[in-house]
Amino acid sequence: MKRSEAAKYARWSAVAALLLASLTVGVYLDRQWVAHREKQKAPPPAPQGVTRSSNGLTFSKMEGNQKIFTVEASKATDFKGKEASLLEDVKITIFGKKGERYDTIHTRSCQYEKEGGSMACSGEVQIDLESKAEAERAAKNGGITVQQKVHVETRGVVFSHASGMARTEQPVKFVFPNGHGEAVGVEYHSGEGTVRLLRDVQFSLVPPRNDIAEKKTARANAKEPIRVTGKSLDFERGSRTMRLYGPVEANTHTAHLSAGKLTLSLDATYRAEKLVVTPGPDGKNPELESRGA
């Protein structure tokens, strides 16, 4: 082989080797880039102490074919060495034994005990009591109309899956269509749909409407709120009745009433319809004291 041909062959060999090396490097870099992108897309590793984290959890309590309540959480996290899970964005929807209710309990997070099924929710908790028909009507109207329901705000609620009872000893605020108030401690029984305010109950109430009386007088204070205090209160969904146990005190600017027990009946829209006072366990009759206007 001539020297010129050998040199030419050597140059071509060098070029081919360089192209091969470039191709190999290109394939390697491409694979490295794909691996990097896949690593970025992969979910982050579980934090230290976390066994498993999922993006949703739903479970229900059934009695025969009737769903009593459903628990939903947007995220559930299990921790190593602990028998409790952290549930986030928690909503409990209660339908009742006949499916006629649509009560809800909502909070940001709860500790869920797997063995006993109880949920401890230390933060703010909101409870709404309304009928299935009212919830469907509100959903159909896009929430434009005023909903007829009882709204409760508190914190530190423990909900038992077994009994279906939610309870707290913390301060409570509650609102219904023509009244609002406060108490300390509340129990909500999902099966019966009953609510019990445990102690130190006080609320303001717009008096039930009396069309005949309003036609006879146009006094400015005809709808003056009544300020009521009592020891404890029971609210029964079935009869739409609030029973305030005494000693009960009711006050306006012009009158003071004391009694052993006060019973407030609500209509289908949870507005005050009738108020009745009766003696307490001591048998003492209610007393009404008029004040100067």
C-alpha atoms as a PDB file:
ATOM      1  CA  MET A   1       0.000   0.000   0.000  1.00  0.00           C
ATOM      2  CA  LYS A   2       1.282   3.423  -0.928  1.00  0.00           C
ATOM      3  CA  ARG A   3       2.067   5.878   1.805  1.00  0.00           C
ATOM      4  CA  SER A   4      -0.609   8.333   0.582  1.00  0.00           C
ATOM      5  CA  GLU A   5      -3.266   5.600   0.590  1.00  0.00           C
ATOM      6  CA  ALA A   6      -2.215   4.471   4.080  1.00  0.00           C
ATOM      7  CA  ALA A   7      -2.495   8.017   5.374  1.00  0.00           C
ATOM      8  CA  LYS A   8      -5.906   8.403   3.742  1.00  0.00           C
ATOM      9  CA  TYR A   9      -7.068   5.107   5.280  1.00  0.00           C
ATOM     10  CA  ALA A  10      -5.815   6.189   8.696  1.00  0.00           C
ATOM     11  CA  ARG A  11      -7.730   9.465   8.448  1.00  0.00           C
ATOM     12  CA  TRP A  12     -10.944   7.646   7.492  1.00  0.00           C
ATOM     13  CA  SER A  13     -10.450   5.217  10.372  1.00  0.00           C
ATOM     14  CA  ALA A  14      -9.994   8.086  12.810  1.00  0.00           C
ATOM     15  CA  VAL A  15     -13.146   9.805  11.535  1.00  0.00           C
ATOM     16  CA  ALA A  16     -15.138   6.551  11.828  1.00  0.00           C
ATOM     17  CA  ALA A  17     -13.853   5.977  15.362  1.00  0.00           C
ATOM     18  CA  LEU A  18     -14.754   9.534  16.316  1.00  0.00           C
ATOM     19  CA  LEU A  19     -18.270   9.143  14.892  1.00  0.00           C
ATOM     20  CA  LEU A  20     -18.701   5.868  16.769  1.00  0.00           C
ATOM     21  CA  ALA A  21     -17.520   7.443  20.001  1.00  0.00           C
ATOM     22  CA  SER A  22     -19.865  10.416  19.480  1.00  0.00           C
ATOM     23  CA  LEU A  23     -22.787   8.071  18.829  1.00  0.00           C
ATOM     24  CA  THR A  24     -22.001   6.090  21.991  1.00  0.00           C
ATOM     25  CA  VAL A  25     -21.753   9.252  24.085  1.00  0.00           C
ATOM     26  CA  GLY A  26     -25.001  10.539  22.541  1.00  0.00           C
ATOM     27  CA  VAL A  27     -26.887   7.342  23.394  1.00  0.00           C
ATOM     28  CA  TYR A  28     -25.453   7.389  26.937  1.00  0.00           C
ATOM     29  CA  LEU A  29     -26.422  11.040  27.460  1.00  0.00           C
ATOM     30  CA  ASP A  30     -29.899  10.406  26.053  1.00  0.00           C
ATOM     31  CA  ARG A  31     -30.393   7.491  28.450  1.00  0.00           C
ATOM     32  CA  GLN A  32     -29.131   9.586  31.346  1.00  0.00           C
ATOM     33  CA  TRP A  33     -31.571  12.381  30.431  1.00  0.00           C
ATOM     34  CA  VAL A  34     -34.512   9.943  30.222  1.00  0.00           C
ATOM     35  CA  ALA A  35     -33.558   8.484  33.607  1.00  0.00           C
ATOM     36  CA  HIS A  36     -33.351  11.997  35.063  1.00  0.00           C
ATOM     37  CA  ARG A  37     -36.790  12.895  33.716  1.00  0.00           C
ATOM     38  CA  GLU A  38     -38.311   9.646  35.033  1.00  0.00           C
ATOM     39  CA  LYS A  39     -36.796  10.343  38.438  1.00  0.00           C
ATOM     40  CA  GLN A  40     -38.364  13.805  38.435  1.00  0.00           C
ATOM     41  CA  LYS A  41     -41.779  12.356  37.544  1.00  0.00           C
ATOM     42  CA  ALA A  42     -41.607   9.635  40.187  1.00  0.00           C
ATOM     43  CA  PRO A  43     -43.433  10.259  43.496  1.00  0.00           C
ATOM     44  CA  PRO A  44     -41.201  11.483  46.322  1.00  0.00           C
ATOM     45  CA  PRO A  45     -39.959   8.868  48.771  1.00  0.00           C
ATOM     46  CA  ALA A  46     -41.930   8.468  51.976  1.00  0.00           C
ATOM     47  CA  PRO A  47     -40.672  10.761  54.739  1.00  0.00           C
ATOM     48  CA  GLN A  48     -38.869   9.171  57.650  1.00  0.00           C
ATOM     49  CA  GLY A  49     -41.343   7.432  59.930  1.00  0.00           C
ATOM     50  CA  VAL A  50     -44.046   7.110  57.247  1.00  0.00           C
ATOM     51  CA  THR A  51     -45.033   3.638  56.074  1.00  0.00           C
ATOM     52  CA  ARG A  52     -47.559   4.509  53.369  1.00  0.00           C
ATOM     53  CA  SER A  53     -49.346   7.541  51.985  1.00  0.00           C
ATOM     54  CA  SER A  54     -52.428   7.351  49.751  1.00  0.00           C
ATOM     55  CA  ASN A  55     -54.470   9.982  47.933  1.00  0.00           C
ATOM     56  CA  GLY A  56     -57.883   9.042  49.275  1.00  0.00           C
ATOM     57  CA  LEU A  57     -59.840   6.984  51.757  1.00  0.00           C
ATOM     58  CA  THR A  58     -63.563   6.210  51.947  1.00  0.00           C
ATOM     59  CA  PHE A  59     -65.474   3.857  54.224  1.00  0.00           C
ATOM     60  CA  SER A  60     -69.083   3.567  55.387  1.00  0.00           C
ATOM     61  CA  LYS A  61     -71.207   2.088  58.144  1.00  0.00           C
ATOM     62  CA  MET A  62     -74.145   0.006  56.961  1.00  0.00           C
ATOM     63  CA  GLU A  63     -77.222  -1.391  58.698  1.00  0.00           C
ATOM     64  CA  GLY A  64     -78.669  -3.931  56.309  1.00  0.00           C
ATOM     65  CA  ASN A  65     -79.014  -2.156  52.969  1.00  0.00           C
ATOM     66  CA  GLN A  66     -79.105   1.309  54.541  1.00  0.00           C
ATOM     67  CA  LYS A  67     -75.958   3.417  54.601  1.00  0.00           C
ATOM     68  CA  ILE A  68     -75.835   5.206  57.977  1.00  0.00           C
ATOM     69  CA  PHE A  69     -72.781   7.375  57.319  1.00  0.00           C
ATOM     70  CA  THR A  70     -69.757   7.675  55.040  1.00  0.00           C
ATOM     71  CA  VAL A  71     -66.279   8.920  55.970  1.00  0.00           C
ATOM     72  CA  GLU A  72     -64.192  10.513  53.207  1.00  0.00           C
ATOM     73  CA  ALA A  73     -60.619  11.832  53.376  1.00  0.00           C
ATOM     74  CA  SER A  74     -58.584  13.323  50.530  1.00  0.00           C
ATOM     75  CA  LYS A  75     -55.342  11.864  51.923  1.00  0.00           C
ATOM     76  CA  ALA A  76     -54.405   9.115  54.393  1.00  0.00           C
ATOM     77  CA  THR A  77     -50.931   8.611  55.891  1.00  0.00           C
ATOM     78  CA  ASP A  78     -49.773   5.580  57.907  1.00  0.00           C
ATOM     79  CA  PHE A  79     -46.869   5.929  60.364  1.00  0.00           C
ATOM     80  CA  LYS A  80     -44.306   3.312  61.348  1.00  0.00           C
ATOM     81  CA  GLY A  81     -44.925   1.757  64.727  1.00  0.00           C
ATOM     82  CA  LYS A  82     -48.282   3.485  65.217  1.00  0.00           C
ATOM     83  CA  GLU A  83     -51.791   2.062  65.029  1.00  0.00           C
ATOM     84  CA  ALA A  84     -53.204   5.393  63.845  1.00  0.00           C
ATOM     85  CA  SER A  85     -53.427   7.060  60.441  1.00  0.00           C
ATOM     86  CA  LEU A  86     -53.509  10.764  59.681  1.00  0.00           C
ATOM     87  CA  LEU A  87     -56.576  11.661  57.600  1.00  0.00           C
ATOM     88  CA  GLU A  88     -56.677  15.038  55.852  1.00  0.00           C
ATOM     89  CA  ASP A  89     -59.635  17.060  54.548  1.00  0.00           C
ATOM     90  CA  VAL A  90     -62.129  14.833  56.337  1.00  0.00           C
ATOM     91  CA  LYS A  91     -65.860  14.839  55.631  1.00  0.00           C
ATOM     92  CA  ILE A  92     -68.414  12.615  57.378  1.00  0.00           C
ATOM     93  CA  THR A  93     -71.850  12.505  55.744  1.00  0.00           C
ATOM     94  CA  ILE A  94     -74.678  11.099  57.877  1.00  0.00           C
ATOM     95  CA  PHE A  95     -77.814   9.779  56.149  1.00  0.00           C
ATOM     96  CA  GLY A  96     -79.695   8.340  59.125  1.00  0.00           C
ATOM     97  CA  LYS A  97     -81.469   5.018  59.525  1.00  0.00           C
ATOM     98  CA  LYS A  98     -84.106   5.960  56.933  1.00  0.00           C
ATOM     99  CA  GLY A  99     -81.862   7.955  54.598  1.00  0.00           C
ATOM    100  CA  GLU A 100     -83.853  11.144  55.183  1.00  0.00           C
ATOM    101  CA  ARG A 101     -80.959  13.232  56.500  1.00  0.00           C
ATOM    102  CA  TYR A 102     -77.868  14.851  55.006  1.00  0.00           C
ATOM    103  CA  ASP A 103     -75.876  15.928  58.055  1.00  0.00           C
ATOM    104  CA  THR A 104     -72.171  16.632  57.572  1.00  0.00           C
ATOM    105  CA  ILE A 105     -69.121  16.890  59.826  1.00  0.00           C
ATOM    106  CA  HIS A 106     -66.097  18.551  58.217  1.00  0.00           C
ATOM    107  CA  THR A 107     -62.575  19.222  59.477  1.00  0.00           C
ATOM    108  CA  ARG A 108     -59.036  19.579  58.130  1.00  0.00           C
ATOM    109  CA  SER A 109     -57.440  16.537  59.778  1.00  0.00           C
ATOM    110  CA  CYS A 110     -58.082  13.637  62.187  1.00  0.00           C
ATOM    111  CA  GLN A 111     -56.122  10.814  63.791  1.00  0.00           C
ATOM    112  CA  TYR A 112     -57.883   7.578  62.842  1.00  0.00           C
ATOM    113  CA  GLU A 113     -57.446   4.656  65.258  1.00  0.00           C
ATOM    114  CA  LYS A 114     -57.510   1.539  63.087  1.00  0.00           C
ATOM    115  CA  GLU A 115     -58.412  -0.940  65.813  1.00  0.00           C
ATOM    116  CA  GLY A 116     -61.243   0.918  67.551  1.00  0.00           C
ATOM    117  CA  GLY A 117     -62.330   2.980  64.557  1.00  0.00           C
ATOM    118  CA  SER A 118     -62.445   6.274  66.473  1.00  0.00           C
ATOM    119  CA  MET A 119     -61.334   9.572  64.940  1.00  0.00           C
ATOM    120  CA  ALA A 120     -59.796  12.379  67.029  1.00  0.00           C
ATOM    121  CA  CYS A 121     -60.032  15.760  65.286  1.00  0.00           C
ATOM    122  CA  SER A 122     -58.122  18.377  67.284  1.00  0.00           C
ATOM    123  CA  GLY A 123     -58.705  21.350  64.990  1.00  0.00           C
ATOM    124  CA  GLU A 124     -61.806  23.312  64.028  1.00  0.00           C
ATOM    125  CA  VAL A 125     -64.848  21.185  63.227  1.00  0.00           C
ATOM    126  CA  GLN A 126     -68.039  22.260  61.458  1.00  0.00           C
ATOM    127  CA  ILE A 127     -71.293  20.326  61.778  1.00  0.00           C
ATOM    128  CA  ASP A 128     -74.312  21.001  59.558  1.00  0.00           C
ATOM    129  CA  LEU A 129     -77.711  19.450  60.219  1.00  0.00           C
ATOM    130  CA  GLU A 130     -80.189  19.424  57.340  1.00  0.00           C
ATOM    131  CA  SER A 131     -82.621  17.153  55.569  1.00  0.00           C
ATOM    132  CA  LYS A 132     -81.880  15.256  52.376  1.00  0.00           C
ATOM    133  CA  ALA A 133     -84.620  17.211  50.579  1.00  0.00           C
ATOM    134  CA  GLU A 134     -83.143  20.553  51.664  1.00  0.00           C
ATOM    135  CA  ALA A 135     -79.628  19.524  50.615  1.00  0.00           C
ATOM    136  CA  GLU A 136     -80.891  18.456  47.184  1.00  0.00           C
ATOM    137  CA  ARG A 137     -82.823  21.711  46.795  1.00  0.00           C
ATOM    138  CA  ALA A 138     -79.751  23.776  47.703  1.00  0.00           C
ATOM    139  CA  ALA A 139     -77.565  21.801  45.271  1.00  0.00           C
ATOM    140  CA  LYS A 140     -80.114  22.259  42.480  1.00  0.00           C
ATOM    141  CA  ASN A 141     -80.181  26.025  43.024  1.00  0.00           C
ATOM    142  CA  GLY A 142     -76.410  26.293  43.186  1.00  0.00           C
ATOM    143  CA  GLY A 143     -76.427  27.484  46.795  1.00  0.00           C
ATOM    144  CA  ILE A 144     -78.086  30.782  45.814  1.00  0.00           C
ATOM    145  CA  THR A 145     -81.007  30.387  48.210  1.00  0.00           C
ATOM    146  CA  VAL A 146     -80.574  30.515  51.972  1.00  0.00           C
ATOM    147  CA  GLN A 147     -80.250  26.992  53.325  1.00  0.00           C
ATOM    148  CA  GLN A 148     -82.514  25.959  56.168  1.00  0.00           C
ATOM    149  CA  LYS A 149     -80.225  24.120  58.547  1.00  0.00           C
ATOM    150  CA  VAL A 150     -78.546  24.128  61.936  1.00  0.00           C
ATOM    151  CA  HIS A 151     -74.835  25.008  61.805  1.00  0.00           C
ATOM    152  CA  VAL A 152     -72.423  24.168  64.651  1.00  0.00           C
ATOM    153  CA  GLU A 153     -68.766  25.187  65.047  1.00  0.00           C
ATOM    154  CA  THR A 154     -66.393  23.724  67.624  1.00  0.00           C
ATOM    155  CA  ARG A 155     -63.047  21.900  67.896  1.00  0.00           C
ATOM    156  CA  GLY A 156     -61.459  18.857  69.528  1.00  0.00           C
ATOM    157  CA  VAL A 157     -64.142  16.412  68.376  1.00  0.00           C
ATOM    158  CA  VAL A 158     -63.857  12.637  68.808  1.00  0.00           C
ATOM    159  CA  PHE A 159     -66.040  10.566  66.454  1.00  0.00           C
ATOM    160  CA  SER A 160     -66.704   6.901  67.218  1.00  0.00           C
ATOM    161  CA  HIS A 161     -67.270   4.621  64.234  1.00  0.00           C
ATOM    162  CA  ALA A 162     -68.877   1.982  66.465  1.00  0.00           C
ATOM    163  CA  SER A 163     -71.454   4.202  68.190  1.00  0.00           C
ATOM    164  CA  GLY A 164     -71.705   6.929  65.550  1.00  0.00           C
ATOM    165  CA  MET A 165     -71.378   9.603  68.237  1.00  0.00           C
ATOM    166  CA  ALA A 166     -69.322  12.790  67.907  1.00  0.00           C
ATOM    167  CA  ARG A 167     -68.369  14.529  71.161  1.00  0.00           C
ATOM    168  CA  THR A 168     -66.272  17.423  72.447  1.00  0.00           C
ATOM    169  CA  GLU A 169     -65.856  19.332  75.707  1.00  0.00           C
ATOM    170  CA  GLN A 170     -64.728  22.488  73.892  1.00  0.00           C
ATOM    171  CA  PRO A 171     -66.733  25.732  73.431  1.00  0.00           C
ATOM    172  CA  VAL A 172     -69.471  25.531  70.811  1.00  0.00           C
ATOM    173  CA  LYS A 173     -71.161  28.119  68.577  1.00  0.00           C
ATOM    174  CA  PHE A 174     -74.410  27.336  66.786  1.00  0.00           C
ATOM    175  CA  VAL A 175     -76.720  29.082  64.333  1.00  0.00           C
ATOM    176  CA  PHE A 176     -80.213  28.293  63.069  1.00  0.00           C
ATOM    177  CA  PRO A 177     -82.436  30.431  60.782  1.00  0.00           C
ATOM    178  CA  ASN A 178     -83.710  32.853  63.456  1.00  0.00           C
ATOM    179  CA  GLY A 179     -81.343  32.285  66.345  1.00  0.00           C
ATOM    180  CA  HIS A 180     -77.714  31.864  67.366  1.00  0.00           C
ATOM    181  CA  GLY A 181     -75.871  30.997  70.539  1.00  0.00           C
ATOM    182  CA  GLU A 182     -73.012  29.419  72.455  1.00  0.00           C
ATOM    183  CA  ALA A 183     -72.419  26.541  74.861  1.00  0.00           C
ATOM    184  CA  VAL A 184     -69.636  24.374  76.253  1.00  0.00           C
ATOM    185  CA  GLY A 185     -69.442  20.819  74.968  1.00  0.00           C
ATOM    186  CA  VAL A 186     -71.645  19.007  72.474  1.00  0.00           C
ATOM    187  CA  GLU A 187     -72.722  15.446  71.681  1.00  0.00           C
ATOM    188  CA  TYR A 188     -74.081  14.471  68.269  1.00  0.00           C
ATOM    189  CA  HIS A 189     -75.684  11.031  67.869  1.00  0.00           C
ATOM    190  CA  SER A 190     -75.685  10.168  64.168  1.00  0.00           C
ATOM    191  CA  GLY A 191     -78.126   7.258  64.448  1.00  0.00           C
ATOM    192  CA  GLU A 192     -80.928   9.304  66.006  1.00  0.00           C
ATOM    193  CA  GLY A 193     -79.834  12.691  64.662  1.00  0.00           C
ATOM    194  CA  THR A 194     -79.975  14.219  68.152  1.00  0.00           C
ATOM    195  CA  VAL A 195     -77.732  16.951  69.539  1.00  0.00           C
ATOM    196  CA  ARG A 196     -77.016  17.701  73.189  1.00  0.00           C
ATOM    197  CA  LEU A 197     -75.307  20.901  74.343  1.00  0.00           C
ATOM    198  CA  LEU A 198     -73.659  19.847  77.576  1.00  0.00           C
ATOM    199  CA  ARG A 199     -73.570  23.019  79.709  1.00  0.00           C
ATOM    200  CA  ASP A 200     -73.591  26.826  79.934  1.00  0.00           C
ATOM    201  CA  VAL A 201     -76.087  27.296  77.113  1.00  0.00           C
ATOM    202  CA  GLN A 202     -77.022  30.800  75.963  1.00  0.00           C
ATOM    203  CA  PHE A 203     -78.646  32.002  72.761  1.00  0.00           C
ATOM    204  CA  SER A 204     -80.570  34.860  71.181  1.00  0.00           C
ATOM    205  CA  LEU A 205     -83.878  34.075  69.518  1.00  0.00           C
ATOM    206  CA  VAL A 206     -86.152  36.102  67.270  1.00  0.00           C
ATOM    207  CA  PRO A 207     -89.654  35.400  68.690  1.00  0.00           C
ATOM    208  CA  PRO A 208     -92.060  33.230  66.689  1.00  0.00           C
ATOM    209  CA  ARG A 209     -94.191  35.263  64.329  1.00  0.00           C
ATOM    210  CA  ASN A 210     -97.726  36.050  65.501  1.00  0.00           C
ATOM    211  CA  ASP A 211     -99.720  37.473  62.600  1.00  0.00           C
ATOM    212  CA  ILE A 212    -102.748  38.407  64.743  1.00  0.00           C
ATOM    213  CA  ALA A 213    -100.662  40.290  67.272  1.00  0.00           C
ATOM    214  CA  GLU A 214     -98.730  42.079  64.530  1.00  0.00           C
ATOM    215  CA  LYS A 215    -101.974  43.285  62.950  1.00  0.00           C
ATOM    216  CA  LYS A 216    -103.105  44.728  66.280  1.00  0.00           C
ATOM    217  CA  THR A 217     -99.851  46.526  67.078  1.00  0.00           C
ATOM    218  CA  ALA A 218     -96.896  47.918  65.194  1.00  0.00           C
ATOM    219  CA  ARG A 219     -94.600  48.321  68.157  1.00  0.00           C
ATOM    220  CA  ALA A 220     -90.941  48.639  67.184  1.00  0.00           C
ATOM    221  CA  ASN A 221     -89.848  46.013  69.661  1.00  0.00           C
ATOM    222  CA  ALA A 222     -92.318  43.365  68.468  1.00  0.00           C
ATOM    223  CA  LYS A 223     -89.426  41.295  67.129  1.00  0.00           C
ATOM    224  CA  GLU A 224     -86.836  42.160  69.756  1.00  0.00           C
ATOM    225  CA  PRO A 225     -84.525  39.156  70.269  1.00  0.00           C
ATOM    226  CA  ILE A 226     -85.043  37.113  73.403  1.00  0.00           C
ATOM    227  CA  ARG A 227     -81.803  36.350  75.259  1.00  0.00           C
ATOM    228  CA  VAL A 228     -82.031  32.899  76.820  1.00  0.00           C
ATOM    229  CA  THR A 229     -79.707  31.003  79.191  1.00  0.00           C
ATOM    230  CA  GLY A 230     -79.905  27.510  80.630  1.00  0.00           C
ATOM    231  CA  LYS A 231     -77.953  24.557  81.958  1.00  0.00           C
ATOM    232  CA  SER A 232     -78.102  22.147  78.993  1.00  0.00           C
ATOM    233  CA  LEU A 233     -80.066  21.658  75.782  1.00  0.00           C
ATOM    234  CA  ASP A 234     -81.367  18.677  73.808  1.00  0.00           C
ATOM    235  CA  PHE A 235     -82.316  18.979  70.135  1.00  0.00           C
ATOM    236  CA  GLU A 236     -84.417  16.179  68.629  1.00  0.00           C
ATOM    237  CA  ARG A 237     -84.415  16.074  64.837  1.00  0.00           C
ATOM    238  CA  GLY A 238     -87.521  13.932  64.457  1.00  0.00           C
ATOM    239  CA  SER A 239     -89.809  16.296  66.349  1.00  0.00           C
ATOM    240  CA  ARG A 240     -87.720  19.427  65.567  1.00  0.00           C
ATOM    241  CA  THR A 241     -87.804  20.281  69.261  1.00  0.00           C
ATOM    242  CA  MET A 242     -85.250  22.031  71.467  1.00  0.00           C
ATOM    243  CA  ARG A 243     -85.518  21.385  75.203  1.00  0.00           C
ATOM    244  CA  LEU A 244     -83.542  23.750  77.434  1.00  0.00           C
ATOM    245  CA  TYR A 245     -83.100  22.556  81.006  1.00  0.00           C
ATOM    246  CA  GLY A 246     -82.863  24.991  83.880  1.00  0.00           C
ATOM    247  CA  PRO A 247     -82.742  27.001  85.684  1.00  0.00           C
ATOM    248  CA  VAL A 248     -83.825  28.872  82.539  1.00  0.00           C
ATOM    249  CA  GLU A 249     -83.683  32.661  82.227  1.00  0.00           C
ATOM    250  CA  ALA A 250     -85.183  34.626  79.310  1.00  0.00           C
ATOM    251  CA  ASN A 251     -84.740  38.379  78.975  1.00  0.00           C
ATOM    252  CA  THR A 252     -85.802  41.290  76.788  1.00  0.00           C
ATOM    253  CA  HIS A 253     -85.644  45.022  77.521  1.00  0.00           C
ATOM    254  CA  THR A 254     -89.181  44.897  78.880  1.00  0.00           C
ATOM    255  CA  ALA A 255     -89.484  41.493  80.577  1.00  0.00           C
ATOM    256  CA  HIS A 256     -87.661  38.813  82.555  1.00  0.00           C
ATOM    257  CA  LEU A 257     -88.817  35.192  82.633  1.00  0.00           C
ATOM    258  CA  SER A 258     -87.524  32.402  84.878  1.00  0.00           C
ATOM    259  CA  ALA A 259     -88.577  28.760  84.557  1.00  0.00           C
ATOM    260  CA  GLY A 260     -87.450  25.224  85.148  1.00  0.00           C
ATOM    261  CA  LYS A 261     -87.605  24.174  81.498  1.00  0.00           C
ATOM    262  CA  LEU A 262     -88.126  25.797  78.094  1.00  0.00           C
ATOM    263  CA  THR A 263     -89.365  23.908  75.028  1.00  0.00           C
ATOM    264  CA  LEU A 264     -88.900  25.464  71.592  1.00  0.00           C
ATOM    265  CA  SER A 265     -90.655  23.921  68.584  1.00  0.00           C
ATOM    266  CA  LEU A 266     -89.239  24.560  65.103  1.00  0.00           C
ATOM    267  CA  ASP A 267     -91.045  24.354  61.778  1.00  0.00           C
ATOM    268  CA  ALA A 268     -89.837  22.404  58.739  1.00  0.00           C
ATOM    269  CA  THR A 269     -87.367  25.208  57.884  1.00  0.00           C
ATOM    270  CA  TYR A 270     -85.899  25.201  61.420  1.00  0.00           C
ATOM    271  CA  ARG A 271     -87.491  28.507  62.348  1.00  0.00           C
ATOM    272  CA  ALA A 272     -88.928  29.041  65.836  1.00  0.00           C
ATOM    273  CA  GLU A 273     -92.633  28.239  65.824  1.00  0.00           C
ATOM    274  CA  LYS A 274     -93.717  27.875  69.455  1.00  0.00           C
ATOM    275  CA  LEU A 275     -92.107  28.526  72.837  1.00  0.00           C
ATOM    276  CA  VAL A 276     -93.405  26.918  76.041  1.00  0.00           C
ATOM    277  CA  VAL A 277     -92.041  27.231  79.605  1.00  0.00           C
ATOM    278  CA  THR A 278     -92.814  24.736  82.377  1.00  0.00           C
ATOM    279  CA  PRO A 279     -91.802  24.103  86.003  1.00  0.00           C
ATOM    280  CA  GLY A 280     -88.545  22.342  86.718  1.00  0.00           C
ATOM    281  CA  PRO A 281     -87.851  19.294  88.902  1.00  0.00           C
ATOM    282  CA  ASP A 282     -88.470  21.411  92.011  1.00  0.00           C
ATOM    283  CA  GLY A 283     -92.040  22.095  90.868  1.00  0.00           C
ATOM    284  CA  LYS A 284     -91.603  25.870  90.989  1.00  0.00           C
ATOM    285  CA  ASN A 285     -93.872  27.629  88.500  1.00  0.00           C
ATOM    286  CA  PRO A 286     -92.428  29.973  85.858  1.00  0.00           C
ATOM    287  CA  GLU A 287     -92.279  33.644  86.872  1.00  0.00           C
ATOM    288  CA  LEU A 288     -92.644  36.653  84.554  1.00  0.00           C
ATOM    289  CA  GLU A 289     -91.426  40.080  85.629  1.00  0.00           C
ATOM    290  CA  SER A 290     -92.239  43.206  83.600  1.00  0.00           C
ATOM    291  CA  ARG A 291     -89.730  46.014  83.263  1.00  0.00           C
ATOM    292  CA  GLY A 292     -90.116  49.648  82.366  1.00  0.00           C
ATOM    293  CA  ALA A 293     -89.692  50.306  78.669  1.00  0.00           C
END
